[in-house]
C-alpha atoms as a PDB file:
ATOM      1  CA  UNK A   1      80.368 113.894  89.672  1.00  0.00           C
ATOM      2  CA  UNK A   2      79.171 115.770  93.049  1.00  0.00           C
ATOM      3  CA  UNK A   3      81.079 117.773  95.273  1.00  0.00           C
ATOM      4  CA  UNK A   4      82.352 117.070  98.929  1.00  0.00           C
ATOM      5  CA  UNK A   5      81.066 114.075 101.264  1.00  0.00           C
ATOM      6  CA  UNK A   6      78.538 112.631  98.728  1.00  0.00           C
ATOM      7  CA  UNK A   7      81.242 112.420  96.255  1.00  0.00           C
ATOM      8  CA  UNK A   8      83.759 111.163  98.736  1.00  0.00           C
ATOM      9  CA  UNK A   9      81.285 108.373 100.026  1.00  0.00           C
ATOM     10  CA  UNK A  10      81.036 107.404  96.203  1.00  0.00           C
ATOM     11  CA  UNK A  11      84.802 107.397  95.656  1.00  0.00           C
ATOM     12  CA  UNK A  12      85.689 105.132  98.550  1.00  0.00           C
ATOM     13  CA  UNK A  13      82.742 102.589  98.174  1.00  0.00           C
ATOM     14  CA  UNK A  14      83.802 102.515  94.504  1.00  0.00           C
ATOM     15  CA  UNK A  15      87.251 101.252  95.676  1.00  0.00           C
ATOM     16  CA  UNK A  16      85.898  98.040  97.015  1.00  0.00           C
ATOM     17  CA  UNK A  17      86.481  94.826  95.025  1.00  0.00           C
ATOM     18  CA  UNK A  18      83.105  94.222  92.213  1.00  0.00           C
ATOM     19  CA  UNK A  19      81.805  97.916  93.399  1.00  0.00           C
ATOM     20  CA  UNK A  20      81.569  99.863  89.642  1.00  0.00           C
ATOM     21  CA  UNK A  21      80.755 103.349  89.363  1.00  0.00           C
ATOM     22  CA  UNK A  22      77.254 102.879  89.006  1.00  0.00           C
ATOM     23  CA  UNK A  23      77.093 100.299  92.199  1.00  0.00           C
ATOM     24  CA  UNK A  24      79.206 103.366  94.513  1.00  0.00           C
ATOM     25  CA  UNK A  25      76.443 105.959  93.150  1.00  0.00           C
ATOM     26  CA  UNK A  26      73.468 103.755  94.197  1.00  0.00           C
ATOM     27  CA  UNK A  27      74.887 102.427  97.432  1.00  0.00           C
ATOM     28  CA  UNK A  28      76.041 105.967  98.337  1.00  0.00           C
ATOM     29  CA  UNK A  29      72.305 107.312  97.814  1.00  0.00           C
ATOM     30  CA  UNK A  30      70.749 104.768  99.451  1.00  0.00           C
ATOM     31  CA  UNK A  31      73.329 105.569 102.387  1.00  0.00           C
ATOM     32  CA  UNK A  32      71.725 109.039 102.332  1.00  0.00           C
ATOM     33  CA  UNK A  33      67.738 108.420 102.442  1.00  0.00           C
ATOM     34  CA  UNK A  34      68.279 105.170 105.213  1.00  0.00           C
ATOM     35  CA  UNK A  35      67.599 105.720 108.730  1.00  0.00           C
ATOM     36  CA  UNK A  36      70.437 107.549 110.458  1.00  0.00           C
ATOM     37  CA  UNK A  37      69.788 104.539 113.168  1.00  0.00           C
ATOM     38  CA  UNK A  38      70.722 101.955 110.047  1.00  0.00           C
ATOM     39  CA  UNK A  39      73.829 103.999 109.058  1.00  0.00           C
ATOM     40  CA  UNK A  40      75.166 104.161 112.500  1.00  0.00           C
ATOM     41  CA  UNK A  41      74.714 100.323 112.562  1.00  0.00           C
ATOM     42  CA  UNK A  42      76.156 100.213 109.456  1.00  0.00           C
ATOM     43  CA  UNK A  43      79.248 102.246 110.621  1.00  0.00           C
ATOM     44  CA  UNK A  44      79.275 100.312 114.412  1.00  0.00           C
ATOM     45  CA  UNK A  45      79.760  97.168 112.139  1.00  0.00           C
ATOM     46  CA  UNK A  46      82.245  98.642 110.114  1.00  0.00           C
ATOM     47  CA  UNK A  47      84.535 100.243 113.234  1.00  0.00           C
ATOM     48  CA  UNK A  48      83.564  96.604 115.095  1.00  0.00           C
ATOM     49  CA  UNK A  49      85.224  94.531 112.262  1.00  0.00           C
ATOM     50  CA  UNK A  50      88.027  96.476 112.101  1.00  0.00           C
ATOM     51  CA  UNK A  51      88.753  96.797 115.936  1.00  0.00           C
ATOM     52  CA  UNK A  52      88.015  93.076 116.494  1.00  0.00           C
ATOM     53  CA  UNK A  53      88.707  90.716 114.063  1.00  0.00           C
ATOM     54  CA  UNK A  54      92.270  89.002 112.933  1.00  0.00           C
ATOM     55  CA  UNK A  55      93.863  86.444 111.506  1.00  0.00           C
ATOM     56  CA  UNK A  56      94.046  83.179 113.163  1.00  0.00           C
ATOM     57  CA  UNK A  57      97.448  82.204 114.751  1.00  0.00           C
ATOM     58  CA  UNK A  58      97.412  78.865 113.415  1.00  0.00           C
ATOM     59  CA  UNK A  59      95.857  78.487 110.079  1.00  0.00           C
ATOM     60  CA  UNK A  60      95.393  82.607 108.921  1.00  0.00           C
ATOM     61  CA  UNK A  61      91.488  82.031 108.930  1.00  0.00           C
ATOM     62  CA  UNK A  62      89.272  85.423 110.107  1.00  0.00           C
ATOM     63  CA  UNK A  63      88.922  84.820 113.914  1.00  0.00           C
ATOM     64  CA  UNK A  64      88.253  87.260 117.088  1.00  0.00           C
ATOM     65  CA  UNK A  65      90.593  85.636 119.207  1.00  0.00           C
ATOM     66  CA  UNK A  66      93.951  84.035 118.581  1.00  0.00           C
ATOM     67  CA  UNK A  67      92.444  80.987 117.088  1.00  0.00           C
ATOM     68  CA  UNK A  68      89.378  80.741 115.050  1.00  0.00           C
ATOM     69  CA  UNK A  69      86.539  78.334 115.924  1.00  0.00           C
ATOM     70  CA  UNK A  70      87.778  75.411 113.570  1.00  0.00           C
ATOM     71  CA  UNK A  71      91.306  75.293 115.093  1.00  0.00           C
ATOM     72  CA  UNK A  72      89.899  75.481 118.924  1.00  0.00           C
ATOM     73  CA  UNK A  73      87.128  72.473 118.255  1.00  0.00           C
ATOM     74  CA  UNK A  74      89.179  69.484 119.464  1.00  0.00           C
ATOM     75  CA  UNK A  75      86.919  67.064 117.022  1.00  0.00           C
ATOM     76  CA  UNK A  76      88.438  68.398 114.278  1.00  0.00           C
ATOM     77  CA  UNK A  77      91.482  65.590 112.827  1.00  0.00           C
ATOM     78  CA  UNK A  78      95.307  67.143 112.855  1.00  0.00           C
ATOM     79  CA  UNK A  79      95.670  64.713 110.242  1.00  0.00           C
ATOM     80  CA  UNK A  80      94.776  66.524 107.195  1.00  0.00           C
ATOM     81  CA  UNK A  81      94.877  69.861 106.246  1.00  0.00           C
ATOM     82  CA  UNK A  82      93.133  71.395 103.601  1.00  0.00           C
ATOM     83  CA  UNK A  83      95.048  74.773 102.088  1.00  0.00           C
ATOM     84  CA  UNK A  84      92.813  77.556 100.569  1.00  0.00           C
ATOM     85  CA  UNK A  85      93.220  81.066  98.658  1.00  0.00           C
ATOM     86  CA  UNK A  86      90.744  83.146 101.239  1.00  0.00           C
ATOM     87  CA  UNK A  87      88.822  83.009 104.474  1.00  0.00           C
ATOM     88  CA  UNK A  88      85.901  82.851 102.198  1.00  0.00           C
ATOM     89  CA  UNK A  89      86.582  79.687 100.661  1.00  0.00           C
ATOM     90  CA  UNK A  90      87.065  78.129 104.094  1.00  0.00           C
ATOM     91  CA  UNK A  91      83.118  79.223 104.636  1.00  0.00           C
ATOM     92  CA  UNK A  92      82.581  77.405 101.171  1.00  0.00           C
ATOM     93  CA  UNK A  93      83.804  74.257 102.343  1.00  0.00           C
ATOM     94  CA  UNK A  94      82.541  74.294 105.481  1.00  0.00           C
ATOM     95  CA  UNK A  95      78.930  74.601 103.828  1.00  0.00           C
ATOM     96  CA  UNK A  96      79.268  71.505 102.342  1.00  0.00           C
ATOM     97  CA  UNK A  97      79.435  69.674 105.926  1.00  0.00           C
ATOM     98  CA  UNK A  98      82.189  66.999 104.105  1.00  0.00           C
ATOM     99  CA  UNK A  99      85.248  68.095 105.828  1.00  0.00           C
ATOM    100  CA  UNK A 100      86.747  67.244 109.314  1.00  0.00           C
ATOM    101  CA  UNK A 101      90.241  68.667 108.973  1.00  0.00           C
ATOM    102  CA  UNK A 102      92.297  71.527 109.394  1.00  0.00           C
ATOM    103  CA  UNK A 103      92.715  74.655 107.012  1.00  0.00           C
ATOM    104  CA  UNK A 104      95.275  76.832 106.059  1.00  0.00           C
ATOM    105  CA  UNK A 105      94.472  79.997 104.371  1.00  0.00           C
ATOM    106  CA  UNK A 106      97.163  81.501 102.027  1.00  0.00           C
ATOM    107  CA  UNK A 107      96.232  85.060 101.537  1.00  0.00           C
ATOM    108  CA  UNK A 108      96.106  84.299  98.202  1.00  0.00           C
ATOM    109  CA  UNK A 109      97.856  82.736  94.995  1.00  0.00           C
ATOM    110  CA  UNK A 110     100.722  82.909  92.813  1.00  0.00           C
ATOM    111  CA  UNK A 111     100.357  85.319  90.409  1.00  0.00           C
ATOM    112  CA  UNK A 112     103.524  86.594  88.856  1.00  0.00           C
ATOM    113  CA  UNK A 113     101.924  89.725  86.585  1.00  0.00           C
ATOM    114  CA  UNK A 114     100.357  91.166  89.975  1.00  0.00           C
ATOM    115  CA  UNK A 115     104.067  90.826  91.635  1.00  0.00           C
ATOM    116  CA  UNK A 116     102.652  87.673  93.939  1.00  0.00           C
ATOM    117  CA  UNK A 117     105.215  85.158  94.408  1.00  0.00           C
ATOM    118  CA  UNK A 118     105.823  82.371  96.627  1.00  0.00           C
ATOM    119  CA  UNK A 119     107.104  84.676  99.582  1.00  0.00           C
ATOM    120  CA  UNK A 120     104.082  87.064  99.649  1.00  0.00           C
ATOM    121  CA  UNK A 121     102.041  83.846 100.620  1.00  0.00           C
ATOM    122  CA  UNK A 122     101.660  82.089 103.849  1.00  0.00           C
ATOM    123  CA  UNK A 123     103.735  79.250 102.250  1.00  0.00           C
ATOM    124  CA  UNK A 124     106.435  79.183 105.358  1.00  0.00           C
ATOM    125  CA  UNK A 125     103.946  78.826 107.714  1.00  0.00           C
ATOM    126  CA  UNK A 126     102.148  75.787 106.182  1.00  0.00           C
ATOM    127  CA  UNK A 127     105.724  74.208 105.534  1.00  0.00           C
ATOM    128  CA  UNK A 128     106.404  74.797 109.241  1.00  0.00           C
ATOM    129  CA  UNK A 129     102.925  73.225 110.210  1.00  0.00           C
ATOM    130  CA  UNK A 130     103.545  70.394 107.906  1.00  0.00           C
ATOM    131  CA  UNK A 131     107.188  69.790 109.630  1.00  0.00           C
ATOM    132  CA  UNK A 132     105.357  68.833 112.939  1.00  0.00           C
ATOM    133  CA  UNK A 133     104.782  64.770 111.334  1.00  0.00           C
ATOM    134  CA  UNK A 134     101.335  65.194 112.412  1.00  0.00           C
ATOM    135  CA  UNK A 135      99.734  65.665 108.777  1.00  0.00           C
ATOM    136  CA  UNK A 136      98.970  62.799 106.832  1.00  0.00           C
ATOM    137  CA  UNK A 137      97.131  64.315 103.481  1.00  0.00           C
ATOM    138  CA  UNK A 138      97.314  67.618 102.223  1.00  0.00           C
ATOM    139  CA  UNK A 139      94.462  69.090 100.143  1.00  0.00           C
ATOM    140  CA  UNK A 140      94.928  71.330  97.482  1.00  0.00           C
ATOM    141  CA  UNK A 141      91.777  73.524  97.222  1.00  0.00           C
ATOM    142  CA  UNK A 142      92.909  76.315  95.433  1.00  0.00           C
ATOM    143  CA  UNK A 143      91.106  78.086  92.580  1.00  0.00           C
ATOM    144  CA  UNK A 144      90.859  76.118  89.364  1.00  0.00           C
ATOM    145  CA  UNK A 145      92.305  79.068  87.256  1.00  0.00           C
ATOM    146  CA  UNK A 146      95.919  79.732  85.720  1.00  0.00           C
ATOM    147  CA  UNK A 147      96.931  81.381  89.588  1.00  0.00           C
ATOM    148  CA  UNK A 148      95.499  78.500  91.905  1.00  0.00           C
ATOM    149  CA  UNK A 149      96.922  75.912  89.751  1.00  0.00           C
ATOM    150  CA  UNK A 150     100.042  77.214  89.441  1.00  0.00           C
ATOM    151  CA  UNK A 151     100.047  77.738  93.599  1.00  0.00           C
ATOM    152  CA  UNK A 152      99.074  74.029  93.396  1.00  0.00           C
ATOM    153  CA  UNK A 153     101.456  72.883  91.366  1.00  0.00           C
ATOM    154  CA  UNK A 154     104.141  74.511  93.252  1.00  0.00           C
ATOM    155  CA  UNK A 155     102.568  73.397  96.744  1.00  0.00           C
ATOM    156  CA  UNK A 156     102.625  69.770  95.402  1.00  0.00           C
ATOM    157  CA  UNK A 157     106.362  69.922  94.451  1.00  0.00           C
ATOM    158  CA  UNK A 158     107.239  71.252  97.801  1.00  0.00           C
ATOM    159  CA  UNK A 159     105.340  68.694  99.540  1.00  0.00           C
ATOM    160  CA  UNK A 160     106.006  65.287  98.144  1.00  0.00           C
ATOM    161  CA  UNK A 161     109.176  64.355  99.059  1.00  0.00           C
ATOM    162  CA  UNK A 162     108.290  65.094 102.896  1.00  0.00           C
ATOM    163  CA  UNK A 163     106.152  61.691 102.220  1.00  0.00           C
ATOM    164  CA  UNK A 164     102.757  63.454 102.687  1.00  0.00           C
ATOM    165  CA  UNK A 165     100.207  62.638 100.562  1.00  0.00           C
ATOM    166  CA  UNK A 166      98.736  65.809  98.665  1.00  0.00           C
ATOM    167  CA  UNK A 167      95.086  65.647  96.777  1.00  0.00           C
ATOM    168  CA  UNK A 168      93.947  68.093  94.625  1.00  0.00           C
ATOM    169  CA  UNK A 169      89.922  69.040  94.933  1.00  0.00           C
ATOM    170  CA  UNK A 170      88.195  67.591  91.402  1.00  0.00           C
ATOM    171  CA  UNK A 171      86.832  69.548  89.350  1.00  0.00           C
ATOM    172  CA  UNK A 172      84.243  69.233  86.511  1.00  0.00           C
ATOM    173  CA  UNK A 173      81.039  69.769  85.387  1.00  0.00           C
ATOM    174  CA  UNK A 174      78.033  71.322  87.377  1.00  0.00           C
ATOM    175  CA  UNK A 175      75.088  69.446  88.774  1.00  0.00           C
ATOM    176  CA  UNK A 176      72.708  70.451  86.756  1.00  0.00           C
ATOM    177  CA  UNK A 177      74.368  71.647  83.733  1.00  0.00           C
ATOM    178  CA  UNK A 178      73.874  71.131  80.331  1.00  0.00           C
ATOM    179  CA  UNK A 179      76.940  68.985  78.568  1.00  0.00           C
ATOM    180  CA  UNK A 180      76.790  71.257  75.436  1.00  0.00           C
ATOM    181  CA  UNK A 181      77.606  74.477  77.330  1.00  0.00           C
ATOM    182  CA  UNK A 182      80.496  72.975  79.036  1.00  0.00           C
ATOM    183  CA  UNK A 183      83.998  74.694  77.388  1.00  0.00           C
ATOM    184  CA  UNK A 184      86.647  72.016  76.258  1.00  0.00           C
ATOM    185  CA  UNK A 185      88.811  72.549  79.566  1.00  0.00           C
ATOM    186  CA  UNK A 186      85.787  71.551  82.216  1.00  0.00           C
ATOM    187  CA  UNK A 187      84.680  69.134  80.089  1.00  0.00           C
ATOM    188  CA  UNK A 188      88.610  67.617  79.913  1.00  0.00           C
ATOM    189  CA  UNK A 189      88.864  67.897  84.066  1.00  0.00           C
ATOM    190  CA  UNK A 190      85.553  66.238  83.834  1.00  0.00           C
ATOM    191  CA  UNK A 191      87.112  63.153  81.919  1.00  0.00           C
ATOM    192  CA  UNK A 192      90.226  63.255  83.840  1.00  0.00           C
ATOM    193  CA  UNK A 193      88.233  62.536  87.354  1.00  0.00           C
ATOM    194  CA  UNK A 194      85.916  60.502  86.165  1.00  0.00           C
ATOM    195  CA  UNK A 195      84.836  57.868  89.112  1.00  0.00           C
ATOM    196  CA  UNK A 196      83.613  54.503  89.387  1.00  0.00           C
ATOM    197  CA  UNK A 197      79.824  53.960  90.260  1.00  0.00           C
END
């Protein structure tokens, strides 16, 4: 335990996701020994992100104006919406260069143990977008874990009566992986999602 400002910094850093007590301490001491110009740039970037960044009014991705760059892009298809849990998932999908439609960021996944139900996510907003009649396919790209599966199942049940095609991202074996190291759930999904070659 340290005292004063350094302990306050360690405590605040420790509240960040993925930063444990040791990492928080390491970062705090790095900041303490860093050049003041570097620290000021970091502090400025933190202030700037809180002042400028908000959520897109259409898809709820991060944006610095009313709409994100993807929603402003006229080359994107309005007929396909890919549903993701968080803005970081949009970045992951965009890196593939495979998807040319629109997104909808839910802001999480259904997790009753954490007290997160459908009303805590942006599902009403998604249903309003789907009600326009433009969308022909909804791609469910929630995480392949219990919460993501529950969210995908819930959305599929809600959307099917609308006559919109609902698809789920395939899951299975990673490229370069060995079968002997795959768990039975992953291997089972790989069998379910197999395709012709």
